[in-house]
């Protein structure tokens, strides 16, 4: 099988509002994964817009999330993903056999300024780098 037809691993990030942590994680994975991983994010009760402090914190690293829109979590999104990562917000996901589930305990950036969001952002980036290494063994 050529690498062109090999199925890319897919990751779904889930957070209640899909406005901060899951959006930052998806943006990091999209950028750092360099197209080798399919990325989705969603929430059980999506906010109206992405957290402005999260957008600002990511922009400091040259990642533009300003056009992202929170999305509703669907059973199909879970079914289509190889890895489902919840963001320590108690969200419940449908469980399907053969999927990898992780829960990342992360502070909620909602209502916080960019100074408080930076450490959360940096924690997410480190976790994303580990995730990429586990999904794409040649990635370093």
N, C-alpha and C. Protein backbone atom coordinates (compact mmCIF):
# COMPACT_ATOMS: atom_id res chain seq x y z
N UNK A 1 0.85 -1.19 0.00
CA UNK A 1 0.00 0.00 0.00
C UNK A 1 0.89 1.24 0.00
N UNK A 2 0.64 2.13 -0.91
CA UNK A 2 1.46 3.35 -0.96
C UNK A 2 1.01 4.31 0.13
N UNK A 3 1.91 5.23 0.47
CA UNK A 3 1.57 6.18 1.53
C UNK A 3 0.44 7.11 1.11
N UNK A 4 0.21 7.23 -0.21
CA UNK A 4 -0.87 8.10 -0.68
C UNK A 4 -2.24 7.53 -0.31
N UNK A 5 -2.34 6.19 -0.30
CA UNK A 5 -3.64 5.58 -0.03
C UNK A 5 -3.77 5.12 1.42
N UNK A 6 -2.70 5.17 2.19
CA UNK A 6 -2.78 4.78 3.60
C UNK A 6 -3.71 5.75 4.32
N UNK A 7 -4.55 5.19 5.19
CA UNK A 7 -5.49 6.04 5.93
C UNK A 7 -4.74 6.83 7.00
N UNK A 8 -4.99 8.13 7.00
CA UNK A 8 -4.38 8.98 8.02
C UNK A 8 -5.09 8.72 9.35
N UNK A 9 -4.33 8.71 10.45
CA UNK A 9 -5.01 8.62 11.75
C UNK A 9 -5.87 9.87 11.96
N UNK A 10 -6.97 9.73 12.65
CA UNK A 10 -7.83 10.88 12.91
C UNK A 10 -8.04 11.05 14.41
N UNK A 11 -8.09 12.32 14.81
CA UNK A 11 -8.21 12.67 16.23
C UNK A 11 -9.39 13.64 16.39
N UNK A 12 -10.19 13.39 17.42
CA UNK A 12 -11.30 14.28 17.77
C UNK A 12 -11.05 14.82 19.17
N UNK A 13 -11.04 16.14 19.30
CA UNK A 13 -10.92 16.80 20.60
C UNK A 13 -12.31 17.25 21.03
N UNK A 14 -12.67 16.89 22.28
CA UNK A 14 -14.01 17.19 22.78
C UNK A 14 -13.92 18.02 24.05
N UNK A 15 -14.67 19.11 24.08
CA UNK A 15 -14.80 19.96 25.26
C UNK A 15 -16.23 20.50 25.25
N UNK A 16 -16.77 20.81 26.39
CA UNK A 16 -18.18 21.21 26.46
C UNK A 16 -18.51 22.32 25.45
N UNK A 17 -17.75 23.42 25.48
CA UNK A 17 -18.09 24.57 24.64
C UNK A 17 -17.34 24.62 23.32
N UNK A 18 -16.32 23.77 23.14
CA UNK A 18 -15.51 23.75 21.91
C UNK A 18 -15.05 25.16 21.57
N UNK A 19 -14.62 25.90 22.60
CA UNK A 19 -14.26 27.30 22.39
C UNK A 19 -12.84 27.63 22.82
N UNK A 20 -12.20 26.76 23.61
CA UNK A 20 -10.87 27.08 24.12
C UNK A 20 -9.90 25.93 23.96
N UNK A 21 -9.93 25.02 24.95
CA UNK A 21 -8.96 23.92 24.98
C UNK A 21 -9.00 23.06 23.72
N UNK A 22 -10.18 22.62 23.32
CA UNK A 22 -10.28 21.73 22.16
C UNK A 22 -9.90 22.46 20.87
N UNK A 23 -10.21 23.75 20.81
CA UNK A 23 -9.83 24.53 19.62
C UNK A 23 -8.31 24.71 19.55
N UNK A 24 -7.68 24.99 20.71
CA UNK A 24 -6.21 25.14 20.72
C UNK A 24 -5.55 23.82 20.36
N UNK A 25 -6.06 22.71 20.91
CA UNK A 25 -5.50 21.40 20.61
C UNK A 25 -5.61 21.09 19.12
N UNK A 26 -6.78 21.35 18.55
CA UNK A 26 -6.99 21.08 17.12
C UNK A 26 -6.07 21.95 16.27
N UNK A 27 -5.90 23.21 16.65
CA UNK A 27 -5.03 24.12 15.88
C UNK A 27 -3.58 23.66 15.96
N UNK A 28 -3.13 23.26 17.15
CA UNK A 28 -1.76 22.75 17.28
C UNK A 28 -1.57 21.48 16.45
N UNK A 29 -2.53 20.55 16.53
CA UNK A 29 -2.37 19.29 15.81
C UNK A 29 -2.41 19.52 14.30
N UNK A 30 -3.25 20.43 13.85
CA UNK A 30 -3.30 20.76 12.42
C UNK A 30 -1.96 21.32 11.97
N UNK A 31 -1.39 22.24 12.76
CA UNK A 31 -0.13 22.89 12.40
C UNK A 31 1.06 21.94 12.54
N UNK A 32 1.20 21.33 13.71
CA UNK A 32 2.36 20.49 13.99
C UNK A 32 2.28 19.12 13.31
N UNK A 33 1.06 18.67 13.01
CA UNK A 33 0.89 17.38 12.34
C UNK A 33 1.22 17.44 10.85
N UNK A 34 1.33 18.63 10.33
CA UNK A 34 1.74 18.86 8.93
C UNK A 34 0.97 18.00 7.94
N UNK A 35 -0.35 17.89 8.15
CA UNK A 35 -1.19 17.17 7.21
C UNK A 35 -1.17 15.66 7.33
N UNK A 36 -0.45 15.12 8.31
CA UNK A 36 -0.35 13.67 8.46
C UNK A 36 -1.48 13.08 9.31
N UNK A 37 -2.26 13.95 9.95
CA UNK A 37 -3.32 13.50 10.85
C UNK A 37 -4.59 14.30 10.55
N UNK A 38 -5.71 13.60 10.49
CA UNK A 38 -6.99 14.27 10.30
C UNK A 38 -7.45 14.80 11.66
N UNK A 39 -7.89 16.06 11.71
CA UNK A 39 -8.20 16.71 12.98
C UNK A 39 -9.64 17.18 13.01
N UNK A 40 -10.33 16.88 14.14
CA UNK A 40 -11.69 17.38 14.37
C UNK A 40 -11.78 17.90 15.80
N UNK A 41 -12.70 18.82 16.04
CA UNK A 41 -13.00 19.22 17.41
C UNK A 41 -14.49 19.52 17.49
N UNK A 42 -15.05 19.31 18.70
CA UNK A 42 -16.49 19.51 18.87
C UNK A 42 -16.81 19.65 20.35
N UNK A 43 -18.03 20.05 20.64
CA UNK A 43 -18.48 20.18 22.03
C UNK A 43 -19.93 19.78 22.18
N UNK A 44 -20.30 19.38 23.39
CA UNK A 44 -21.68 18.96 23.64
C UNK A 44 -22.62 20.16 23.72
N UNK A 45 -22.07 21.32 24.11
CA UNK A 45 -22.86 22.56 24.18
C UNK A 45 -22.00 23.70 23.63
N UNK A 46 -21.80 23.73 22.29
CA UNK A 46 -20.86 24.69 21.71
C UNK A 46 -21.21 26.15 22.04
N UNK A 47 -20.16 26.92 22.28
CA UNK A 47 -20.31 28.36 22.53
C UNK A 47 -20.64 29.06 21.22
N UNK A 48 -20.94 30.35 21.31
CA UNK A 48 -21.24 31.13 20.11
C UNK A 48 -19.97 31.41 19.31
N UNK A 49 -18.84 31.55 20.02
CA UNK A 49 -17.59 31.86 19.34
C UNK A 49 -16.41 31.31 20.14
N UNK A 50 -15.27 31.25 19.47
CA UNK A 50 -14.06 30.76 20.12
C UNK A 50 -13.59 31.82 21.13
N UNK A 51 -13.06 31.35 22.26
CA UNK A 51 -12.56 32.21 23.33
C UNK A 51 -11.50 33.19 22.78
N UNK A 52 -11.74 34.52 22.89
CA UNK A 52 -10.78 35.49 22.35
C UNK A 52 -9.39 35.39 22.98
N UNK A 53 -9.31 35.03 24.27
CA UNK A 53 -8.00 34.89 24.92
C UNK A 53 -7.24 33.70 24.33
N UNK A 54 -7.97 32.63 23.98
CA UNK A 54 -7.34 31.47 23.33
C UNK A 54 -6.84 31.85 21.94
N UNK A 55 -7.64 32.61 21.21
CA UNK A 55 -7.23 33.07 19.87
C UNK A 55 -5.97 33.92 19.98
N UNK A 56 -5.94 34.83 20.97
CA UNK A 56 -4.78 35.70 21.17
C UNK A 56 -3.54 34.90 21.56
N UNK A 57 -3.70 33.95 22.49
CA UNK A 57 -2.57 33.14 22.94
C UNK A 57 -1.97 32.33 21.78
N UNK A 58 -2.82 31.80 20.91
CA UNK A 58 -2.33 31.03 19.76
C UNK A 58 -1.69 31.95 18.72
N UNK A 59 -2.25 33.13 18.54
CA UNK A 59 -1.68 34.09 17.58
C UNK A 59 -0.25 34.46 17.97
N UNK A 60 0.03 34.47 19.29
CA UNK A 60 1.40 34.76 19.75
C UNK A 60 2.40 33.74 19.21
N UNK A 61 1.92 32.55 18.89
CA UNK A 61 2.78 31.50 18.34
C UNK A 61 2.63 31.38 16.83
N UNK A 62 1.93 32.34 16.24
CA UNK A 62 1.78 32.34 14.79
C UNK A 62 0.70 31.42 14.25
N UNK A 63 -0.23 31.00 15.13
CA UNK A 63 -1.33 30.12 14.69
C UNK A 63 -2.63 30.91 14.76
N UNK A 64 -3.29 31.04 13.61
CA UNK A 64 -4.51 31.84 13.52
C UNK A 64 -5.75 30.96 13.70
N UNK A 65 -6.46 31.19 14.79
CA UNK A 65 -7.72 30.45 15.05
C UNK A 65 -8.93 31.36 14.91
N UNK A 66 -8.74 32.57 14.44
CA UNK A 66 -9.81 33.56 14.45
C UNK A 66 -11.02 33.16 13.61
N UNK A 67 -10.84 32.31 12.62
CA UNK A 67 -11.96 31.93 11.76
C UNK A 67 -12.67 30.67 12.25
N UNK A 68 -12.17 30.04 13.32
CA UNK A 68 -12.78 28.80 13.80
C UNK A 68 -14.14 29.07 14.45
N UNK A 69 -15.02 28.10 14.34
CA UNK A 69 -16.37 28.20 14.91
C UNK A 69 -16.63 26.94 15.75
N UNK A 70 -17.10 27.10 16.99
CA UNK A 70 -17.44 25.92 17.80
C UNK A 70 -18.48 25.04 17.10
N UNK A 71 -18.28 23.72 17.19
CA UNK A 71 -19.14 22.77 16.50
C UNK A 71 -19.77 21.81 17.51
N UNK A 72 -20.92 21.29 17.16
CA UNK A 72 -21.64 20.35 18.02
C UNK A 72 -21.04 18.95 17.88
N UNK A 73 -20.93 18.25 18.99
CA UNK A 73 -20.43 16.88 19.01
C UNK A 73 -21.49 15.95 18.44
N UNK A 74 -21.09 15.12 17.48
CA UNK A 74 -22.01 14.15 16.90
C UNK A 74 -21.45 12.74 17.09
N UNK A 75 -22.34 11.77 17.10
CA UNK A 75 -21.92 10.37 17.18
C UNK A 75 -21.05 10.01 15.98
N UNK A 76 -21.38 10.57 14.82
CA UNK A 76 -20.60 10.29 13.61
C UNK A 76 -19.16 10.74 13.77
N UNK A 77 -18.94 11.92 14.37
CA UNK A 77 -17.57 12.43 14.55
C UNK A 77 -16.75 11.47 15.41
N UNK A 78 -17.39 10.91 16.44
CA UNK A 78 -16.69 9.95 17.31
C UNK A 78 -16.41 8.67 16.52
N UNK A 79 -17.41 8.20 15.79
CA UNK A 79 -17.29 6.96 15.03
C UNK A 79 -16.17 7.06 14.00
N UNK A 80 -16.00 8.23 13.39
CA UNK A 80 -15.02 8.42 12.32
C UNK A 80 -13.60 8.69 12.84
N UNK A 81 -13.43 8.83 14.15
CA UNK A 81 -12.12 9.18 14.72
C UNK A 81 -11.43 7.96 15.32
N UNK A 82 -10.11 7.90 15.18
CA UNK A 82 -9.33 6.83 15.77
C UNK A 82 -9.02 7.11 17.24
N UNK A 83 -8.81 8.39 17.55
CA UNK A 83 -8.47 8.81 18.90
C UNK A 83 -9.47 9.89 19.32
N UNK A 84 -10.06 9.75 20.51
CA UNK A 84 -11.01 10.73 21.04
C UNK A 84 -10.42 11.25 22.35
N UNK A 85 -10.18 12.56 22.39
CA UNK A 85 -9.57 13.17 23.58
C UNK A 85 -10.53 14.18 24.18
N UNK A 86 -10.95 13.91 25.42
CA UNK A 86 -11.77 14.88 26.14
C UNK A 86 -10.83 15.76 26.96
N UNK A 87 -11.28 16.95 27.27
CA UNK A 87 -10.42 17.96 27.86
C UNK A 87 -10.67 18.20 29.35
N UNK A 88 -10.89 17.15 30.10
CA UNK A 88 -11.05 17.29 31.54
C UNK A 88 -12.29 18.06 31.94
N UNK A 89 -13.29 18.06 31.06
CA UNK A 89 -14.49 18.84 31.37
C UNK A 89 -15.70 17.95 31.59
N UNK A 90 -15.46 16.67 31.82
CA UNK A 90 -16.56 15.78 32.16
C UNK A 90 -17.50 15.48 31.02
N UNK A 91 -17.09 15.79 29.79
CA UNK A 91 -17.95 15.50 28.65
C UNK A 91 -18.06 14.00 28.46
N UNK A 92 -19.24 13.54 28.14
CA UNK A 92 -19.41 12.13 27.87
C UNK A 92 -19.47 11.94 26.37
N UNK A 93 -18.75 10.93 25.91
CA UNK A 93 -18.71 10.62 24.49
C UNK A 93 -19.29 9.23 24.29
N UNK A 94 -19.90 9.01 23.14
CA UNK A 94 -20.30 7.64 22.84
C UNK A 94 -19.03 6.78 22.78
N UNK A 95 -19.09 5.56 23.29
CA UNK A 95 -17.92 4.68 23.31
C UNK A 95 -18.09 3.63 22.21
N UNK A 96 -17.09 3.54 21.36
CA UNK A 96 -17.08 2.54 20.30
C UNK A 96 -15.85 1.66 20.46
N UNK A 97 -15.99 0.36 20.25
CA UNK A 97 -14.84 -0.54 20.38
C UNK A 97 -13.74 -0.17 19.38
N UNK A 98 -12.50 -0.37 19.80
CA UNK A 98 -11.39 -0.15 18.89
C UNK A 98 -10.88 1.28 18.82
N UNK A 99 -11.50 2.18 19.55
CA UNK A 99 -11.05 3.57 19.57
C UNK A 99 -10.13 3.78 20.76
N UNK A 100 -9.26 4.75 20.65
CA UNK A 100 -8.39 5.12 21.77
C UNK A 100 -9.02 6.36 22.42
N UNK A 101 -9.30 6.27 23.71
CA UNK A 101 -9.89 7.39 24.44
C UNK A 101 -8.89 7.90 25.47
N UNK A 102 -8.76 9.21 25.55
CA UNK A 102 -7.91 9.84 26.56
C UNK A 102 -8.68 11.01 27.16
N UNK A 103 -8.39 11.30 28.43
CA UNK A 103 -8.95 12.49 29.06
C UNK A 103 -7.78 13.33 29.55
N UNK A 104 -7.66 14.52 29.01
CA UNK A 104 -6.58 15.43 29.40
C UNK A 104 -7.13 16.41 30.43
N UNK A 105 -6.63 16.32 31.67
CA UNK A 105 -7.06 17.25 32.72
C UNK A 105 -6.40 18.60 32.47
N UNK A 106 -7.18 19.54 32.01
CA UNK A 106 -6.67 20.88 31.68
C UNK A 106 -7.57 21.93 32.32
N UNK A 107 -6.96 22.97 32.82
CA UNK A 107 -7.72 24.08 33.38
C UNK A 107 -8.57 24.71 32.29
N UNK A 108 -9.76 25.16 32.65
CA UNK A 108 -10.67 25.79 31.69
C UNK A 108 -10.26 27.25 31.48
N UNK A 109 -9.96 27.65 30.23
CA UNK A 109 -9.57 29.04 29.98
C UNK A 109 -10.76 30.00 29.89
N UNK A 110 -11.98 29.51 30.00
CA UNK A 110 -13.15 30.38 29.87
C UNK A 110 -13.11 31.52 30.88
N UNK A 111 -13.32 32.71 30.40
CA UNK A 111 -13.38 33.88 31.26
C UNK A 111 -12.04 34.36 31.79
N UNK A 112 -10.94 33.77 31.33
CA UNK A 112 -9.62 34.17 31.80
C UNK A 112 -8.92 35.02 30.74
N UNK A 113 -7.99 35.82 31.20
CA UNK A 113 -7.19 36.64 30.28
C UNK A 113 -6.09 35.82 29.65
N UNK A 114 -5.42 36.41 28.66
CA UNK A 114 -4.40 35.69 27.91
C UNK A 114 -3.24 35.23 28.81
N UNK A 115 -2.95 35.98 29.89
CA UNK A 115 -1.87 35.59 30.80
C UNK A 115 -2.17 34.23 31.42
N UNK A 116 -3.43 33.97 31.75
CA UNK A 116 -3.83 32.69 32.35
C UNK A 116 -3.96 31.59 31.31
N UNK A 117 -4.19 31.98 30.06
CA UNK A 117 -4.38 30.99 28.99
C UNK A 117 -3.04 30.46 28.49
N UNK A 118 -1.97 31.26 28.56
CA UNK A 118 -0.67 30.83 28.04
C UNK A 118 -0.18 29.50 28.62
N UNK A 119 -0.21 29.31 29.97
CA UNK A 119 0.25 28.02 30.49
C UNK A 119 -0.61 26.84 30.03
N UNK A 120 -1.91 27.05 29.86
CA UNK A 120 -2.81 26.01 29.36
C UNK A 120 -2.40 25.69 27.92
N UNK A 121 -2.19 26.73 27.13
CA UNK A 121 -1.75 26.58 25.73
C UNK A 121 -0.45 25.77 25.66
N UNK A 122 0.51 26.11 26.50
CA UNK A 122 1.81 25.44 26.47
C UNK A 122 1.69 23.98 26.89
N UNK A 123 0.81 23.69 27.86
CA UNK A 123 0.55 22.32 28.29
C UNK A 123 -0.06 21.53 27.13
N UNK A 124 -1.02 22.13 26.44
CA UNK A 124 -1.66 21.47 25.30
C UNK A 124 -0.63 21.19 24.21
N UNK A 125 0.25 22.16 23.94
CA UNK A 125 1.26 21.97 22.89
C UNK A 125 2.15 20.76 23.20
N UNK A 126 2.60 20.63 24.44
CA UNK A 126 3.45 19.51 24.84
C UNK A 126 2.71 18.18 24.66
N UNK A 127 1.43 18.16 25.03
CA UNK A 127 0.64 16.94 24.88
C UNK A 127 0.44 16.59 23.40
N UNK A 128 0.25 17.61 22.58
CA UNK A 128 0.07 17.40 21.13
C UNK A 128 1.35 16.81 20.53
N UNK A 129 2.50 17.32 20.95
CA UNK A 129 3.77 16.78 20.44
C UNK A 129 3.90 15.30 20.78
N UNK A 130 3.52 14.91 22.01
CA UNK A 130 3.55 13.50 22.41
C UNK A 130 2.55 12.68 21.59
N UNK A 131 1.37 13.26 21.36
CA UNK A 131 0.33 12.57 20.59
C UNK A 131 0.80 12.31 19.17
N UNK A 132 1.41 13.31 18.54
CA UNK A 132 1.91 13.14 17.17
C UNK A 132 2.95 12.02 17.14
N UNK A 133 3.85 12.01 18.11
CA UNK A 133 4.88 10.96 18.16
C UNK A 133 4.26 9.57 18.29
N UNK A 134 3.12 9.48 19.00
CA UNK A 134 2.47 8.17 19.17
C UNK A 134 1.68 7.75 17.93
N UNK A 135 1.23 8.72 17.13
CA UNK A 135 0.42 8.41 15.95
C UNK A 135 1.25 8.28 14.68
N UNK A 136 2.33 9.04 14.61
CA UNK A 136 3.20 9.06 13.43
C UNK A 136 4.61 8.75 13.92
N UNK A 137 4.93 7.46 14.07
CA UNK A 137 6.19 7.08 14.69
C UNK A 137 7.44 7.74 14.10
N UNK A 138 7.43 8.07 12.83
CA UNK A 138 8.61 8.69 12.22
C UNK A 138 8.73 10.17 12.56
N UNK A 139 7.68 10.75 13.13
CA UNK A 139 7.70 12.19 13.43
C UNK A 139 8.60 12.46 14.61
N UNK A 140 9.49 13.39 14.43
CA UNK A 140 10.36 13.82 15.54
C UNK A 140 10.50 15.31 15.50
